[in-house]
Every structure is written in C-alpha cells, then in structure tokens.
Amino acid sequence: MSAQPVSLTVNGRVHEGYAEPRRLLSDFLRDDVGLKSVKLSCDIGICGSCTIMLGGNTVRACLMFAVQADGEEILTAEGLADGPNLHPLQEAFWNSHALQCGYCTPGMLMSAYQLLRENDNPTESEIRAAIDGNLCRCTGYVNIVKAIGLAAEKLREQPRTSPTGGRPVPPDGPTL
C-alpha cells in the first residue's frame, strides 16, 4: 500500500509528511519529525518510554499508526519547555536527581504532566499510580515520585499557563 499524507500539530508546530499505513507513530515522530524524546523500547506498550499527549490524553506512540494521528495535536517532552526555560516538572526531575540513564524520563514526564493537569495536589500513592505504566530500571522511583511532588508544589504557586508560549489558560480547563 502506498504512503498516506499525515499532518500533525506537534508541540505547537504543524508537521506534514507521508507514512505507510503500518508505520508507527513513534517512528514517525522520531524519524520524520526529529523528536528524540519519543523513546523506542518494548514496541508493545508495556514500558511507557514512548508516552506522549495526543488530543489531551497520554498514549503510547508505539501502539498507534501515524495515519491514525492525522490531524491531531501532540505534545512531547520537548514541548514542555518554554524556549530555554524548563517546565517545572523538568526542573524538579533535574534538581531531585530523578533520572539516571534518562531513557524513561520523557515518558515519566508526560505521565506526570497528565496527572498534574488533573490533580494539582496529588498524594504519593496518586503519583505512584500515575506513573505505574512507566518502567524505570535505574532509579527505584523514589526521586521520581519526589520530583513530581515538588513540581506540583511549584505549579500551585504559579499562575497557570500553556507549556508552549506562556499563553493564558483557556476557559475550558487548565493546561500546565
């Protein structure tokens, strides 16, 4: 079958290309769009390293075809920062030593981002439940959980803005 046109809004920018119907969204984002935060590991949706936001919800990019995401809005770990300014989640991961090899970090960030969009004051067990689908072989999760809690505190102290450009929160709901 021939390649199909695919148009995605990724981290606020439109990306257009072509993809074979069986090409994974994770491969399209890494190879065609050039986003290296979308990690490839298990290719069966278990590890969470390819977690992204699609249409406002976390999804595993290795479980979707690029053509299925045509016309969608996607946010990746690269899109959390506002230019040179790290998102509070990214800062908290850095300051809390919540990463070692870094392979799981983008997926952890996106799962934590979803949690903090829905719950700005999560308990430790709520944080652990939110990252339950993200495997880390290095850290033991202690500093990851700590970092997400610290980011929640910092975010509660700040006015809420969009992760891409600092625009005010839309009236239909919060965006970190």
N, C-alpha and C. Protein backbone atom coordinates (compact mmCIF):
# COMPACT_ATOMS: atom_id res chain seq x y z
N MET A 1 0.84 -1.18 0.00
CA MET A 1 0.00 0.00 0.00
C MET A 1 0.89 1.24 0.00
N SER A 2 0.44 2.29 -0.61
CA SER A 2 1.25 3.49 -0.74
C SER A 2 1.16 4.38 0.50
N ALA A 3 2.16 5.24 0.64
CA ALA A 3 2.23 6.16 1.76
C ALA A 3 1.04 7.13 1.72
N GLN A 4 0.56 7.46 2.90
CA GLN A 4 -0.58 8.35 3.07
C GLN A 4 -0.09 9.68 3.64
N PRO A 5 -0.75 10.79 3.30
CA PRO A 5 -0.35 12.07 3.90
C PRO A 5 -0.72 12.09 5.39
N VAL A 6 0.17 12.68 6.17
CA VAL A 6 -0.04 12.82 7.61
C VAL A 6 0.30 14.25 7.99
N SER A 7 -0.61 14.90 8.70
CA SER A 7 -0.38 16.25 9.19
C SER A 7 -0.66 16.25 10.69
N LEU A 8 0.33 16.63 11.47
CA LEU A 8 0.23 16.66 12.93
C LEU A 8 0.65 18.02 13.44
N THR A 9 0.01 18.47 14.49
CA THR A 9 0.49 19.65 15.20
C THR A 9 1.24 19.12 16.42
N VAL A 10 2.56 19.26 16.38
CA VAL A 10 3.42 18.71 17.43
C VAL A 10 4.09 19.86 18.16
N ASN A 11 3.84 19.93 19.45
CA ASN A 11 4.42 20.98 20.29
C ASN A 11 4.15 22.37 19.71
N GLY A 12 2.95 22.53 19.15
CA GLY A 12 2.53 23.82 18.64
C GLY A 12 2.91 24.11 17.20
N ARG A 13 3.62 23.19 16.54
CA ARG A 13 4.04 23.41 15.15
C ARG A 13 3.47 22.32 14.25
N VAL A 14 3.03 22.71 13.08
CA VAL A 14 2.47 21.75 12.13
C VAL A 14 3.61 21.01 11.43
N HIS A 15 3.48 19.69 11.36
CA HIS A 15 4.43 18.83 10.66
C HIS A 15 3.64 17.98 9.68
N GLU A 16 4.06 18.03 8.43
CA GLU A 16 3.39 17.25 7.39
C GLU A 16 4.38 16.29 6.76
N GLY A 17 3.89 15.14 6.39
CA GLY A 17 4.72 14.14 5.75
C GLY A 17 3.87 13.02 5.20
N TYR A 18 4.52 11.94 4.87
CA TYR A 18 3.84 10.75 4.35
C TYR A 18 4.27 9.55 5.17
N ALA A 19 3.34 8.64 5.39
CA ALA A 19 3.64 7.44 6.15
C ALA A 19 2.90 6.25 5.55
N GLU A 20 3.58 5.14 5.51
CA GLU A 20 2.92 3.89 5.14
C GLU A 20 1.85 3.62 6.20
N PRO A 21 0.75 3.00 5.84
CA PRO A 21 -0.33 2.77 6.81
C PRO A 21 0.10 1.99 8.05
N ARG A 22 1.13 1.19 7.95
CA ARG A 22 1.58 0.39 9.11
C ARG A 22 2.72 1.04 9.89
N ARG A 23 3.14 2.25 9.52
CA ARG A 23 4.25 2.93 10.21
C ARG A 23 3.77 3.44 11.57
N LEU A 24 4.52 3.12 12.60
CA LEU A 24 4.15 3.50 13.95
C LEU A 24 4.32 5.00 14.16
N LEU A 25 3.45 5.56 14.98
CA LEU A 25 3.54 6.97 15.32
C LEU A 25 4.87 7.27 15.99
N SER A 26 5.35 6.38 16.82
CA SER A 26 6.65 6.58 17.49
C SER A 26 7.77 6.73 16.46
N ASP A 27 7.78 5.91 15.43
CA ASP A 27 8.80 6.00 14.39
C ASP A 27 8.66 7.30 13.61
N PHE A 28 7.43 7.68 13.30
CA PHE A 28 7.19 8.92 12.55
C PHE A 28 7.68 10.12 13.35
N LEU A 29 7.37 10.16 14.66
CA LEU A 29 7.78 11.30 15.48
C LEU A 29 9.30 11.36 15.63
N ARG A 30 9.94 10.22 15.78
CA ARG A 30 11.40 10.21 15.93
C ARG A 30 12.11 10.50 14.61
N ASP A 31 11.74 9.78 13.58
CA ASP A 31 12.50 9.83 12.33
C ASP A 31 12.08 10.96 11.41
N ASP A 32 10.80 11.23 11.30
CA ASP A 32 10.34 12.25 10.37
C ASP A 32 10.26 13.63 11.01
N VAL A 33 9.79 13.69 12.25
CA VAL A 33 9.66 14.97 12.93
C VAL A 33 10.95 15.32 13.67
N GLY A 34 11.74 14.32 14.04
CA GLY A 34 13.03 14.55 14.69
C GLY A 34 12.98 14.71 16.19
N LEU A 35 11.95 14.15 16.83
CA LEU A 35 11.80 14.26 18.28
C LEU A 35 12.38 13.03 18.97
N LYS A 36 13.49 13.22 19.63
CA LYS A 36 14.19 12.09 20.24
C LYS A 36 13.66 11.73 21.62
N SER A 37 12.75 12.53 22.17
CA SER A 37 12.19 12.17 23.47
C SER A 37 11.23 10.99 23.36
N VAL A 38 10.73 10.72 22.19
CA VAL A 38 9.83 9.58 21.99
C VAL A 38 10.72 8.35 21.85
N LYS A 39 10.96 7.70 22.97
CA LYS A 39 11.89 6.57 23.01
C LYS A 39 11.22 5.30 22.50
N LEU A 40 12.03 4.43 21.93
CA LEU A 40 11.55 3.14 21.45
C LEU A 40 12.21 2.06 22.28
N SER A 41 11.40 1.23 22.89
CA SER A 41 11.96 0.18 23.73
C SER A 41 11.23 -1.13 23.49
N CYS A 42 10.05 -1.28 24.08
CA CYS A 42 9.38 -2.58 24.02
C CYS A 42 8.54 -2.77 22.76
N ASP A 43 8.06 -1.69 22.16
CA ASP A 43 7.18 -1.73 20.98
C ASP A 43 5.88 -2.50 21.20
N ILE A 44 5.51 -2.72 22.45
CA ILE A 44 4.23 -3.36 22.74
C ILE A 44 3.45 -2.64 23.83
N GLY A 45 3.85 -1.40 24.15
CA GLY A 45 3.09 -0.57 25.07
C GLY A 45 3.25 -0.86 26.54
N ILE A 46 4.26 -1.64 26.91
CA ILE A 46 4.42 -2.00 28.32
C ILE A 46 5.31 -1.04 29.08
N CYS A 47 6.38 -0.54 28.46
CA CYS A 47 7.40 0.20 29.21
C CYS A 47 7.06 1.67 29.43
N GLY A 48 6.28 2.29 28.55
CA GLY A 48 5.90 3.69 28.70
C GLY A 48 6.92 4.69 28.20
N SER A 49 8.02 4.23 27.63
CA SER A 49 9.06 5.18 27.20
C SER A 49 8.63 6.03 26.01
N CYS A 50 7.60 5.63 25.30
CA CYS A 50 7.13 6.40 24.13
C CYS A 50 5.88 7.22 24.45
N THR A 51 5.58 7.42 25.72
CA THR A 51 4.37 8.12 26.12
C THR A 51 4.39 9.57 25.65
N ILE A 52 3.29 9.98 25.02
CA ILE A 52 3.09 11.35 24.55
C ILE A 52 1.68 11.77 24.94
N MET A 53 1.36 13.04 24.72
CA MET A 53 -0.01 13.51 24.86
C MET A 53 -0.58 13.65 23.46
N LEU A 54 -1.72 13.05 23.24
CA LEU A 54 -2.41 13.14 21.95
C LEU A 54 -3.83 13.59 22.24
N GLY A 55 -4.18 14.76 21.75
CA GLY A 55 -5.53 15.27 21.99
C GLY A 55 -5.83 15.44 23.46
N GLY A 56 -4.81 15.73 24.27
CA GLY A 56 -5.02 15.98 25.69
C GLY A 56 -4.94 14.78 26.60
N ASN A 57 -4.64 13.60 26.06
CA ASN A 57 -4.52 12.39 26.88
C ASN A 57 -3.22 11.67 26.57
N THR A 58 -2.67 11.00 27.58
CA THR A 58 -1.45 10.24 27.34
C THR A 58 -1.78 8.99 26.53
N VAL A 59 -0.89 8.70 25.59
CA VAL A 59 -1.00 7.49 24.78
C VAL A 59 0.40 6.95 24.56
N ARG A 60 0.47 5.69 24.21
CA ARG A 60 1.74 5.05 23.83
C ARG A 60 1.88 5.20 22.32
N ALA A 61 2.88 5.93 21.90
CA ALA A 61 3.08 6.18 20.47
C ALA A 61 3.44 4.91 19.71
N CYS A 62 3.92 3.88 20.41
CA CYS A 62 4.26 2.63 19.73
C CYS A 62 3.03 1.77 19.46
N LEU A 63 1.89 2.17 19.99
CA LEU A 63 0.66 1.41 19.80
C LEU A 63 -0.29 2.06 18.79
N MET A 64 0.17 3.10 18.15
CA MET A 64 -0.64 3.81 17.16
C MET A 64 0.11 3.90 15.85
N PHE A 65 -0.65 3.92 14.80
CA PHE A 65 -0.06 4.19 13.49
C PHE A 65 -0.07 5.70 13.27
N ALA A 66 0.90 6.19 12.53
CA ALA A 66 0.98 7.62 12.25
C ALA A 66 -0.28 8.11 11.55
N VAL A 67 -0.83 7.31 10.65
CA VAL A 67 -2.03 7.74 9.92
C VAL A 67 -3.23 7.88 10.85
N GLN A 68 -3.25 7.16 11.97
CA GLN A 68 -4.34 7.29 12.94
C GLN A 68 -4.30 8.63 13.65
N ALA A 69 -3.12 9.23 13.73
CA ALA A 69 -2.95 10.50 14.43
C ALA A 69 -3.10 11.70 13.50
N ASP A 70 -3.37 11.46 12.23
CA ASP A 70 -3.51 12.55 11.26
C ASP A 70 -4.51 13.58 11.77
N GLY A 71 -4.08 14.85 11.75
CA GLY A 71 -4.95 15.94 12.18
C GLY A 71 -4.95 16.19 13.68
N GLU A 72 -4.24 15.40 14.43
CA GLU A 72 -4.25 15.51 15.90
C GLU A 72 -3.20 16.50 16.40
N GLU A 73 -3.39 16.91 17.65
CA GLU A 73 -2.43 17.75 18.35
C GLU A 73 -1.66 16.87 19.33
N ILE A 74 -0.33 16.97 19.27
CA ILE A 74 0.55 16.13 20.08
C ILE A 74 1.47 17.01 20.90
N LEU A 75 1.69 16.59 22.13
CA LEU A 75 2.67 17.24 23.00
C LEU A 75 3.66 16.18 23.44
N THR A 76 4.94 16.48 23.29
CA THR A 76 6.01 15.58 23.73
C THR A 76 6.82 16.29 24.82
N ALA A 77 7.77 15.59 25.40
CA ALA A 77 8.61 16.18 26.45
C ALA A 77 9.32 17.43 25.96
N GLU A 78 9.69 17.48 24.68
CA GLU A 78 10.34 18.68 24.14
C GLU A 78 9.42 19.88 24.22
N GLY A 79 8.13 19.67 24.12
CA GLY A 79 7.16 20.76 24.13
C GLY A 79 6.82 21.29 25.50
N LEU A 80 7.31 20.66 26.56
CA LEU A 80 7.03 21.16 27.90
C LEU A 80 7.80 22.44 28.20
N ALA A 81 9.03 22.53 27.73
CA ALA A 81 9.86 23.71 27.99
C ALA A 81 9.32 24.90 27.21
N ASP A 82 9.54 26.08 27.76
CA ASP A 82 9.18 27.32 27.09
C ASP A 82 10.49 27.96 26.64
N GLY A 83 10.93 27.60 25.44
CA GLY A 83 12.23 28.05 24.95
C GLY A 83 13.32 27.49 25.84
N PRO A 84 14.19 28.36 26.38
CA PRO A 84 15.27 27.86 27.23
C PRO A 84 14.81 27.56 28.66
N ASN A 85 13.58 27.93 29.00
CA ASN A 85 13.07 27.73 30.36
C ASN A 85 12.43 26.36 30.49
N LEU A 86 12.98 25.56 31.38
CA LEU A 86 12.41 24.24 31.62
C LEU A 86 11.05 24.36 32.29
N HIS A 87 10.19 23.39 32.00
CA HIS A 87 8.91 23.27 32.69
C HIS A 87 9.22 22.89 34.14
N PRO A 88 8.38 23.27 35.10
CA PRO A 88 8.63 22.90 36.49
C PRO A 88 8.83 21.39 36.71
N LEU A 89 8.17 20.56 35.91
CA LEU A 89 8.41 19.12 36.02
C LEU A 89 9.85 18.78 35.62
N GLN A 90 10.31 19.35 34.53
CA GLN A 90 11.66 19.09 34.07
C GLN A 90 12.68 19.59 35.10
N GLU A 91 12.45 20.79 35.64
CA GLU A 91 13.33 21.33 36.68
C GLU A 91 13.36 20.42 37.90
N ALA A 92 12.19 19.96 38.32
CA ALA A 92 12.11 19.10 39.50
C ALA A 92 12.84 17.78 39.27
N PHE A 93 12.71 17.20 38.09
CA PHE A 93 13.44 15.97 37.79
C PHE A 93 14.94 16.21 37.86
N TRP A 94 15.38 17.33 37.31
CA TRP A 94 16.80 17.67 37.33
C TRP A 94 17.29 17.89 38.77
N ASN A 95 16.58 18.74 39.49
CA ASN A 95 17.01 19.09 40.84
C ASN A 95 16.89 17.95 41.84
N SER A 96 15.99 17.02 41.60
CA SER A 96 15.78 15.89 42.52
C SER A 96 16.57 14.65 42.12
N HIS A 97 17.36 14.76 41.08
CA HIS A 97 18.13 13.60 40.57
C HIS A 97 17.18 12.44 40.27
N ALA A 98 16.09 12.77 39.58
CA ALA A 98 15.05 11.79 39.28
C ALA A 98 15.31 11.07 37.96
N LEU A 99 16.53 11.10 37.52
CA LEU A 99 16.88 10.40 36.29
C LEU A 99 18.31 9.89 36.43
N GLN A 100 18.56 8.80 35.79
CA GLN A 100 19.93 8.30 35.72
C GLN A 100 20.29 8.13 34.26
N CYS A 101 19.85 7.06 33.66
CA CYS A 101 20.17 6.90 32.23
C CYS A 101 19.29 7.81 31.39
N GLY A 102 18.11 8.20 31.90
CA GLY A 102 17.23 9.13 31.20
C GLY A 102 16.29 8.50 30.19
N TYR A 103 16.39 7.20 30.00
CA TYR A 103 15.58 6.58 28.96
C TYR A 103 14.10 6.66 29.26
N CYS A 104 13.72 6.48 30.51
CA CYS A 104 12.30 6.52 30.87
C CYS A 104 11.79 7.94 31.10
N THR A 105 12.70 8.89 31.24
CA THR A 105 12.33 10.24 31.68
C THR A 105 11.25 10.91 30.84
N PRO A 106 11.33 10.93 29.51
CA PRO A 106 10.27 11.60 28.75
C PRO A 106 8.88 11.00 29.01
N GLY A 107 8.78 9.69 29.06
CA GLY A 107 7.50 9.06 29.34
C GLY A 107 7.01 9.36 30.74
N MET A 108 7.93 9.37 31.70
CA MET A 108 7.58 9.73 33.08
C MET A 108 7.06 11.16 33.13
N LEU A 109 7.76 12.06 32.43
CA LEU A 109 7.33 13.46 32.41
C LEU A 109 5.93 13.61 31.85
N MET A 110 5.64 12.90 30.79
CA MET A 110 4.32 13.05 30.16
C MET A 110 3.22 12.44 31.04
N SER A 111 3.50 11.33 31.68
CA SER A 111 2.51 10.75 32.60
C SER A 111 2.28 11.68 33.79
N ALA A 112 3.37 12.26 34.31
CA ALA A 112 3.26 13.20 35.42
C ALA A 112 2.53 14.46 34.99
N TYR A 113 2.79 14.91 33.79
CA TYR A 113 2.11 16.10 33.25
C TYR A 113 0.60 15.87 33.22
N GLN A 114 0.18 14.71 32.73
CA GLN A 114 -1.26 14.38 32.70
C GLN A 114 -1.83 14.40 34.12
N LEU A 115 -1.11 13.78 35.05
CA LEU A 115 -1.58 13.76 36.44
C LEU A 115 -1.77 15.17 36.97
N LEU A 116 -0.76 16.02 36.79
CA LEU A 116 -0.82 17.36 37.37
C LEU A 116 -1.82 18.27 36.66
N ARG A 117 -2.20 17.94 35.45
CA ARG A 117 -3.29 18.67 34.78
C ARG A 117 -4.61 18.36 35.46
N GLU A 118 -4.74 17.14 35.95
CA GLU A 118 -5.99 16.69 36.55
C GLU A 118 -6.04 16.86 38.06
N ASN A 119 -4.87 16.89 38.69
CA ASN A 119 -4.80 16.91 40.15
C ASN A 119 -3.57 17.72 40.55
N ASP A 120 -3.76 18.94 41.02
CA ASP A 120 -2.61 19.78 41.33
C ASP A 120 -2.04 19.53 42.72
N ASN A 121 -2.63 18.61 43.47
CA ASN A 121 -2.12 18.30 44.80
C ASN A 121 -2.21 16.79 45.06
N PRO A 122 -1.48 15.99 44.25
CA PRO A 122 -1.59 14.55 44.38
C PRO A 122 -0.86 14.00 45.61
N THR A 123 -1.40 12.93 46.14
CA THR A 123 -0.73 12.21 47.22
C THR A 123 0.38 11.35 46.61
N GLU A 124 1.24 10.81 47.47
CA GLU A 124 2.29 9.93 46.97
C GLU A 124 1.70 8.72 46.26
N SER A 125 0.63 8.15 46.80
CA SER A 125 0.05 6.98 46.14
C SER A 125 -0.60 7.35 44.81
N GLU A 126 -1.14 8.56 44.69
CA GLU A 126 -1.69 9.00 43.40
C GLU A 126 -0.58 9.22 42.38
N ILE A 127 0.56 9.74 42.83
CA ILE A 127 1.70 9.90 41.94
C ILE A 127 2.19 8.54 41.47
N ARG A 128 2.33 7.62 42.39
CA ARG A 128 2.80 6.27 42.03
C ARG A 128 1.82 5.59 41.06
N ALA A 129 0.54 5.78 41.26
CA ALA A 129 -0.45 5.19 40.35
C ALA A 129 -0.35 5.81 38.97
N ALA A 130 -0.07 7.12 38.90
CA ALA A 130 0.00 7.82 37.61
C ALA A 130 1.19 7.35 36.78
N ILE A 131 2.28 6.97 37.43
CA ILE A 131 3.47 6.53 36.69
C ILE A 131 3.59 5.01 36.68
N ASP A 132 2.56 4.33 37.10
CA ASP A 132 2.57 2.87 37.18
C ASP A 132 2.91 2.20 35.84
N GLY A 133 2.52 2.80 34.74
CA GLY A 133 2.77 2.22 33.42
C GLY A 133 4.10 2.62 32.81
N ASN A 134 4.96 3.27 33.58
CA ASN A 134 6.26 3.70 33.09
C ASN A 134 7.35 2.95 33.86
N LEU A 135 8.12 2.16 33.15
CA LEU A 135 9.17 1.37 33.79
C LEU A 135 10.49 2.12 33.83
N CYS A 136 11.14 2.06 34.99
CA CYS A 136 12.47 2.64 35.17
C CYS A 136 13.34 1.55 35.77
N ARG A 137 14.47 1.31 35.14
CA ARG A 137 15.37 0.27 35.63
C ARG A 137 16.50 0.82 36.48
N CYS A 138 16.59 2.15 36.62
CA CYS A 138 17.75 2.74 37.28
C CYS A 138 17.47 3.34 38.65
N THR A 139 16.37 4.06 38.80
CA THR A 139 16.24 4.95 39.95
C THR A 139 15.52 4.35 41.16
N GLY A 140 14.72 3.36 40.99
CA GLY A 140 13.92 2.87 42.11
C GLY A 140 12.71 3.74 42.40
N TYR A 141 12.45 4.74 41.58
CA TYR A 141 11.26 5.58 41.62
C TYR A 141 11.20 6.59 42.76
N VAL A 142 12.02 6.47 43.79
CA VAL A 142 11.92 7.35 44.95
C VAL A 142 12.08 8.81 44.53
N ASN A 143 13.13 9.13 43.80
CA ASN A 143 13.35 10.52 43.40
C ASN A 143 12.38 10.98 42.33
N ILE A 144 11.87 10.07 41.53
CA ILE A 144 10.86 10.43 40.53
C ILE A 144 9.59 10.88 41.24
N VAL A 145 9.15 10.11 42.22
CA VAL A 145 7.96 10.47 42.99
C VAL A 145 8.18 11.80 43.71
N LYS A 146 9.36 11.96 44.31
CA LYS A 146 9.70 13.21 44.99
C LYS A 146 9.65 14.39 44.01
N ALA A 147 10.21 14.23 42.83
CA ALA A 147 10.24 15.30 41.83
C ALA A 147 8.84 15.70 41.40
N ILE A 148 7.96 14.75 41.20
CA ILE A 148 6.59 15.07 40.79
C ILE A 148 5.87 15.83 41.90
N GLY A 149 6.10 15.44 43.15
CA GLY A 149 5.52 16.17 44.28
C GLY A 149 6.04 17.60 44.36
N LEU A 150 7.34 17.77 44.15
CA LEU A 150 7.92 19.12 44.16
C LEU A 150 7.39 19.97 43.01
N ALA A 151 7.24 19.37 41.84
CA ALA A 151 6.68 20.10 40.70
C ALA A 151 5.25 20.52 40.99
N ALA A 152 4.48 19.66 41.63
CA ALA A 152 3.11 20.00 41.98
C ALA A 152 3.08 21.22 42.89
N GLU A 153 3.98 21.25 43.88
CA GLU A 153 4.06 22.40 44.78
C GLU A 153 4.38 23.68 44.01
N LYS A 154 5.38 23.59 43.15
CA LYS A 154 5.79 24.78 42.39
C LYS A 154 4.68 25.25 41.47
N LEU A 155 4.00 24.32 40.83
CA LEU A 155 2.92 24.69 39.91
C LEU A 155 1.74 25.33 40.64
N ARG A 156 1.48 24.90 41.85
CA ARG A 156 0.39 25.52 42.62
C ARG A 156 0.70 26.97 42.95
N GLU A 157 1.99 27.31 43.03
CA GLU A 157 2.41 28.66 43.36
C GLU A 157 2.41 29.60 42.15
N GLN A 158 2.37 29.04 40.94
CA GLN A 158 2.47 29.84 39.72
C GLN A 158 1.11 30.02 39.07
N PRO A 159 0.95 31.15 38.33
CA PRO A 159 -0.25 31.24 37.50
C PRO A 159 -0.17 30.19 36.41
N ARG A 160 -1.27 29.58 36.07
CA ARG A 160 -1.28 28.51 35.07
C ARG A 160 -1.17 29.08 33.67
N THR A 161 -0.24 28.49 32.89
CA THR A 161 -0.05 28.90 31.51
C THR A 161 0.16 27.67 30.65
N SER A 162 0.13 27.88 29.37
CA SER A 162 0.36 26.82 28.40
C SER A 162 1.84 26.46 28.39
N PRO A 163 2.19 25.19 28.11
CA PRO A 163 3.60 24.81 28.04
C PRO A 163 4.29 25.35 26.79
N THR A 164 3.54 25.81 25.83
CA THR A 164 4.16 26.29 24.59
C THR A 164 3.78 27.74 24.36
N GLY A 165 4.55 28.62 24.96
CA GLY A 165 4.36 30.02 24.66
C GLY A 165 3.80 30.88 25.79
N GLY A 166 3.46 30.30 26.93
CA GLY A 166 3.02 31.09 28.05
C GLY A 166 1.68 31.76 27.87
N ARG A 167 0.84 31.24 27.00
CA ARG A 167 -0.48 31.83 26.82
C ARG A 167 -1.36 31.48 28.02
N PRO A 168 -2.32 32.36 28.34
CA PRO A 168 -3.21 32.07 29.48
C PRO A 168 -4.00 30.79 29.27
N VAL A 169 -4.44 30.24 30.38
CA VAL A 169 -5.23 29.01 30.36
C VAL A 169 -6.56 29.26 29.67
N PRO A 170 -6.96 28.37 28.75
CA PRO A 170 -8.28 28.53 28.14
C PRO A 170 -9.38 28.32 29.17
N PRO A 171 -10.53 28.96 28.99
CA PRO A 171 -11.61 28.86 29.99
C PRO A 171 -12.16 27.45 30.14
N ASP A 172 -11.92 26.56 29.18
CA ASP A 172 -12.49 25.21 29.27
C ASP A 172 -11.63 24.26 30.11
N GLY A 173 -10.54 24.71 30.66
CA GLY A 173 -9.78 23.83 31.53
C GLY A 173 -8.31 24.23 31.64
N PRO A 174 -7.66 23.71 32.67
CA PRO A 174 -6.27 24.07 32.92
C PRO A 174 -5.32 23.37 31.97
N THR A 175 -4.25 24.05 31.64
CA THR A 175 -3.13 23.49 30.90
C THR A 175 -1.88 23.92 31.64
N LEU A 176 -1.04 22.98 31.97
CA LEU A 176 0.17 23.35 32.72
C LEU A 176 1.14 24.08 31.87
